[in-house]
């Protein structure tokens, strides 16, 4: 039976309440950063939306800088879910890149991430720490994790690439391409699900061709028998 903590509240319920408060603070912070920018945002404005006290924010995150970092980390974690060990254990590289690519483009095209990008672009020169936080917790974190995955496939002899970190950065760059910049600048609306899927598939195909993906023995045998058609450029 679940033990009751001091004050009569079960620990599981306390954890759930803490998780719900954390999520509420992040949602309120996203709205504040979106409407006021980084310089204009304040913990008081977040509290006005979510209720509670500064102590609750400090206990979960720290100050404004840490709250911004938590928003970026939360977004990048959604993309990195596709690269979890249990996810890639049963998939080949193409399937892994497709799953990761779809997550990445979905995240970078989301209203929250677009708003965070705009805040950093507008205020990053005045707040250099802000730009570093955004890069390290977002794009840098994603490319670092993908590089680890690519290195594993490289060791298995499935791709031929010297620098997996640079390869990871280039792949993520292909996912964003000019489409992300156009949306960021307000030149067009975010792409549809069909557009995003088409873009991801093209990026994966080009990337695998560039990395010289090596077919398995079974695939080579099937091609010799005329059962498998090599991918077209």
Protein backbone atom coordinates (compact mmCIF):
# COMPACT_ATOMS: atom_id res chain seq x y z
CA UNK A 1 0.00 0.00 0.00
CA UNK A 2 1.27 3.45 -0.85
CA UNK A 3 2.59 5.23 2.23
CA UNK A 4 1.09 8.57 3.15
CA UNK A 5 3.56 11.44 3.41
CA UNK A 6 3.53 13.90 6.26
CA UNK A 7 0.36 15.95 5.97
CA UNK A 8 -1.69 13.06 4.63
CA UNK A 9 -0.91 13.25 0.88
CA UNK A 10 0.36 10.06 -0.87
CA UNK A 11 3.80 10.52 -2.54
CA UNK A 12 2.44 9.54 -5.97
CA UNK A 13 -0.21 12.23 -5.77
CA UNK A 14 2.40 14.74 -4.66
CA UNK A 15 4.56 13.88 -7.68
CA UNK A 16 1.60 14.21 -10.02
CA UNK A 17 0.72 17.61 -8.54
CA UNK A 18 4.35 18.72 -8.91
CA UNK A 19 4.43 17.57 -12.55
CA UNK A 20 1.18 19.39 -13.27
CA UNK A 21 2.51 22.57 -11.67
CA UNK A 22 5.73 22.31 -13.68
CA UNK A 23 3.76 21.93 -16.92
CA UNK A 24 1.54 24.87 -16.01
CA UNK A 25 4.57 27.08 -15.28
CA UNK A 26 6.16 26.16 -18.62
CA UNK A 27 2.94 26.91 -20.51
CA UNK A 28 2.62 30.27 -18.79
CA UNK A 29 6.29 31.08 -19.39
CA UNK A 30 5.95 30.26 -23.08
CA UNK A 31 3.08 32.72 -23.35
CA UNK A 32 5.03 35.42 -21.50
CA UNK A 33 8.18 35.01 -23.61
CA UNK A 34 6.07 34.97 -26.76
CA UNK A 35 4.22 38.19 -25.88
CA UNK A 36 6.96 40.17 -24.13
CA UNK A 37 10.25 38.79 -25.42
CA UNK A 38 13.05 37.80 -23.10
CA UNK A 39 13.95 41.23 -21.72
CA UNK A 40 10.32 42.15 -21.07
CA UNK A 41 9.43 38.83 -19.48
CA UNK A 42 9.36 38.52 -15.70
CA UNK A 43 8.68 35.82 -13.14
CA UNK A 44 5.87 37.98 -11.80
CA UNK A 45 4.13 37.83 -15.19
CA UNK A 46 4.42 34.05 -15.15
CA UNK A 47 3.02 33.88 -11.62
CA UNK A 48 0.08 36.10 -12.61
CA UNK A 49 -0.91 33.50 -15.20
CA UNK A 50 -0.31 30.33 -13.25
CA UNK A 51 -0.78 31.43 -9.66
CA UNK A 52 1.43 30.48 -6.76
CA UNK A 53 4.65 32.16 -5.74
CA UNK A 54 8.18 32.83 -6.92
CA UNK A 55 9.35 30.09 -4.61
CA UNK A 56 7.50 27.50 -6.73
CA UNK A 57 9.30 28.70 -9.88
CA UNK A 58 12.68 28.80 -8.16
CA UNK A 59 12.20 25.30 -6.75
CA UNK A 60 11.36 23.85 -10.17
CA UNK A 61 13.60 25.88 -12.46
CA UNK A 62 15.55 28.70 -10.85
CA UNK A 63 15.40 32.15 -12.44
CA UNK A 64 14.23 33.49 -15.79
CA UNK A 65 17.26 32.19 -17.67
CA UNK A 66 16.71 28.64 -16.39
CA UNK A 67 13.02 28.86 -17.22
CA UNK A 68 13.86 29.76 -20.82
CA UNK A 69 16.35 26.88 -20.95
CA UNK A 70 13.67 24.48 -19.68
CA UNK A 71 11.34 25.48 -22.52
CA UNK A 72 14.04 24.79 -25.10
CA UNK A 73 14.99 21.49 -23.46
CA UNK A 74 11.36 20.41 -23.38
CA UNK A 75 11.04 21.04 -27.11
CA UNK A 76 14.27 19.26 -28.01
CA UNK A 77 13.32 16.28 -25.84
CA UNK A 78 10.29 15.72 -28.05
CA UNK A 79 12.52 15.46 -31.11
CA UNK A 80 15.07 13.25 -29.35
CA UNK A 81 12.42 10.73 -28.30
CA UNK A 82 12.87 9.12 -31.72
CA UNK A 83 16.54 8.45 -30.90
CA UNK A 84 15.93 6.71 -27.58
CA UNK A 85 17.87 3.41 -27.39
CA UNK A 86 14.69 1.36 -27.22
CA UNK A 87 13.41 3.09 -30.36
CA UNK A 88 16.48 2.54 -32.54
CA UNK A 89 17.27 -0.99 -31.31
CA UNK A 90 14.89 -2.59 -33.82
CA UNK A 91 15.17 -0.10 -36.70
CA UNK A 92 17.66 0.34 -39.51
CA UNK A 93 19.27 3.71 -40.18
CA UNK A 94 16.72 4.81 -42.75
CA UNK A 95 13.78 4.14 -40.43
CA UNK A 96 15.61 5.84 -37.56
CA UNK A 97 16.32 8.97 -39.61
CA UNK A 98 12.75 9.11 -40.90
CA UNK A 99 11.31 8.93 -37.38
CA UNK A 100 13.79 11.48 -36.05
CA UNK A 101 13.32 13.78 -39.04
CA UNK A 102 9.55 13.83 -38.63
CA UNK A 103 9.91 14.68 -34.96
CA UNK A 104 12.44 17.43 -35.65
CA UNK A 105 10.44 19.18 -38.34
CA UNK A 106 7.28 18.93 -36.26
CA UNK A 107 9.08 20.57 -33.34
CA UNK A 108 10.84 23.34 -35.28
CA UNK A 109 7.60 24.27 -37.06
CA UNK A 110 5.58 24.41 -33.82
CA UNK A 111 4.37 27.84 -32.65
CA UNK A 112 6.38 27.56 -29.42
CA UNK A 113 9.70 26.78 -31.10
CA UNK A 114 9.18 29.45 -33.74
CA UNK A 115 8.51 31.95 -30.96
CA UNK A 116 11.69 30.90 -29.12
CA UNK A 117 13.72 31.24 -32.33
CA UNK A 118 12.36 34.77 -32.85
CA UNK A 119 13.16 35.76 -29.27
CA UNK A 120 16.77 34.57 -29.64
CA UNK A 121 17.24 36.24 -33.03
CA UNK A 122 15.81 39.52 -31.72
CA UNK A 123 17.62 39.60 -28.37
CA UNK A 124 20.55 37.19 -28.64
CA UNK A 125 23.12 39.93 -29.27
CA UNK A 126 22.07 41.76 -26.10
CA UNK A 127 21.90 38.55 -24.09
CA UNK A 128 24.70 36.27 -25.34
CA UNK A 129 23.92 33.71 -22.65
CA UNK A 130 20.44 33.40 -24.10
CA UNK A 131 21.78 32.42 -27.52
CA UNK A 132 24.17 29.89 -25.96
CA UNK A 133 21.39 28.37 -23.85
CA UNK A 134 19.14 28.06 -26.87
CA UNK A 135 21.79 26.42 -29.02
CA UNK A 136 23.13 24.03 -26.38
CA UNK A 137 19.70 22.89 -25.16
CA UNK A 138 18.15 22.77 -28.62
CA UNK A 139 19.97 22.33 -31.95
CA UNK A 140 23.32 21.46 -30.36
CA UNK A 141 21.77 18.82 -28.13
CA UNK A 142 19.91 17.25 -31.05
CA UNK A 143 22.96 17.05 -33.31
CA UNK A 144 25.12 15.65 -30.49
CA UNK A 145 22.65 12.82 -29.85
CA UNK A 146 22.24 12.07 -33.56
CA UNK A 147 26.04 11.96 -33.92
CA UNK A 148 26.18 9.21 -31.29
CA UNK A 149 23.57 7.21 -33.20
CA UNK A 150 25.40 7.71 -36.51
CA UNK A 151 28.67 6.62 -34.90
CA UNK A 152 27.03 3.37 -33.85
CA UNK A 153 25.87 2.70 -37.41
CA UNK A 154 29.33 3.66 -38.68
CA UNK A 155 31.01 1.14 -36.38
CA UNK A 156 28.66 -1.50 -37.74
CA UNK A 157 29.85 -0.66 -41.24
CA UNK A 158 26.48 0.59 -42.47
CA UNK A 159 27.61 4.10 -43.39
CA UNK A 160 30.88 5.60 -44.53
CA UNK A 161 31.42 8.97 -42.86
CA UNK A 162 34.49 10.41 -41.13
CA UNK A 163 32.90 13.03 -38.87
CA UNK A 164 29.55 11.93 -37.47
CA UNK A 165 29.01 15.22 -35.62
CA UNK A 166 29.27 17.25 -38.81
CA UNK A 167 27.13 14.71 -40.63
CA UNK A 168 24.46 15.05 -37.94
CA UNK A 169 24.54 18.84 -38.18
CA UNK A 170 24.17 18.68 -41.97
CA UNK A 171 21.23 16.30 -41.74
CA UNK A 172 19.38 18.55 -39.30
CA UNK A 173 20.21 21.51 -41.52
CA UNK A 174 18.61 19.73 -44.47
CA UNK A 175 15.49 19.13 -42.40
CA UNK A 176 15.12 22.84 -41.63
CA UNK A 177 16.27 24.17 -45.02
CA UNK A 178 14.76 27.37 -46.45
CA UNK A 179 11.27 26.20 -45.54
CA UNK A 180 11.92 26.85 -41.87
CA UNK A 181 13.44 30.25 -42.62
CA UNK A 182 10.44 31.26 -44.73
CA UNK A 183 8.07 30.33 -41.90
CA UNK A 184 10.28 32.04 -39.33
CA UNK A 185 10.24 35.26 -41.35
CA UNK A 186 6.49 35.10 -41.81
CA UNK A 187 6.76 34.66 -45.58
CA UNK A 188 4.51 31.62 -45.51
CA UNK A 189 2.47 29.53 -43.10
CA UNK A 190 3.89 26.33 -41.58
CA UNK A 191 3.82 23.39 -44.01
CA UNK A 192 1.15 20.75 -43.98
CA UNK A 193 1.78 17.24 -42.68
CA UNK A 194 2.09 16.02 -46.27
CA UNK A 195 4.67 18.71 -47.11
CA UNK A 196 6.70 17.95 -44.01
CA UNK A 197 6.70 14.22 -44.69
CA UNK A 198 7.81 14.78 -48.28
CA UNK A 199 10.59 17.09 -47.11
CA UNK A 200 11.83 14.60 -44.51
CA UNK A 201 11.85 11.71 -46.99
CA UNK A 202 13.87 13.74 -49.48
CA UNK A 203 16.39 14.79 -46.80
CA UNK A 204 16.83 11.19 -45.65
CA UNK A 205 17.32 9.94 -49.21
CA UNK A 206 19.95 12.59 -50.02
CA UNK A 207 21.72 12.05 -46.70
CA UNK A 208 21.97 8.29 -47.09
CA UNK A 209 23.26 8.63 -50.63
CA UNK A 210 25.88 11.12 -49.45
CA UNK A 211 27.00 8.91 -46.57
CA UNK A 212 27.41 5.93 -48.88
CA UNK A 213 25.05 3.64 -47.00
CA UNK A 214 26.21 0.08 -47.39
CA UNK A 215 23.56 -2.53 -48.21
CA UNK A 216 23.42 -5.72 -46.23
CA UNK A 217 24.52 -9.04 -47.73
CA UNK A 218 20.89 -10.10 -47.98
CA UNK A 219 19.97 -6.93 -49.85
CA UNK A 220 22.86 -7.37 -52.29
CA UNK A 221 21.78 -10.95 -52.97
CA UNK A 222 18.21 -9.87 -53.66
CA UNK A 223 19.37 -7.15 -56.03
CA UNK A 224 21.41 -9.69 -57.96
CA UNK A 225 18.30 -11.78 -58.33
CA UNK A 226 16.44 -8.72 -59.54
CA UNK A 227 14.09 -8.54 -56.58
CA UNK A 228 15.19 -5.20 -55.18
CA UNK A 229 15.52 -1.97 -57.12
CA UNK A 230 18.26 0.40 -55.85
CA UNK A 231 16.89 3.73 -54.58
CA UNK A 232 16.60 6.42 -57.20
CA UNK A 233 18.15 9.82 -56.72
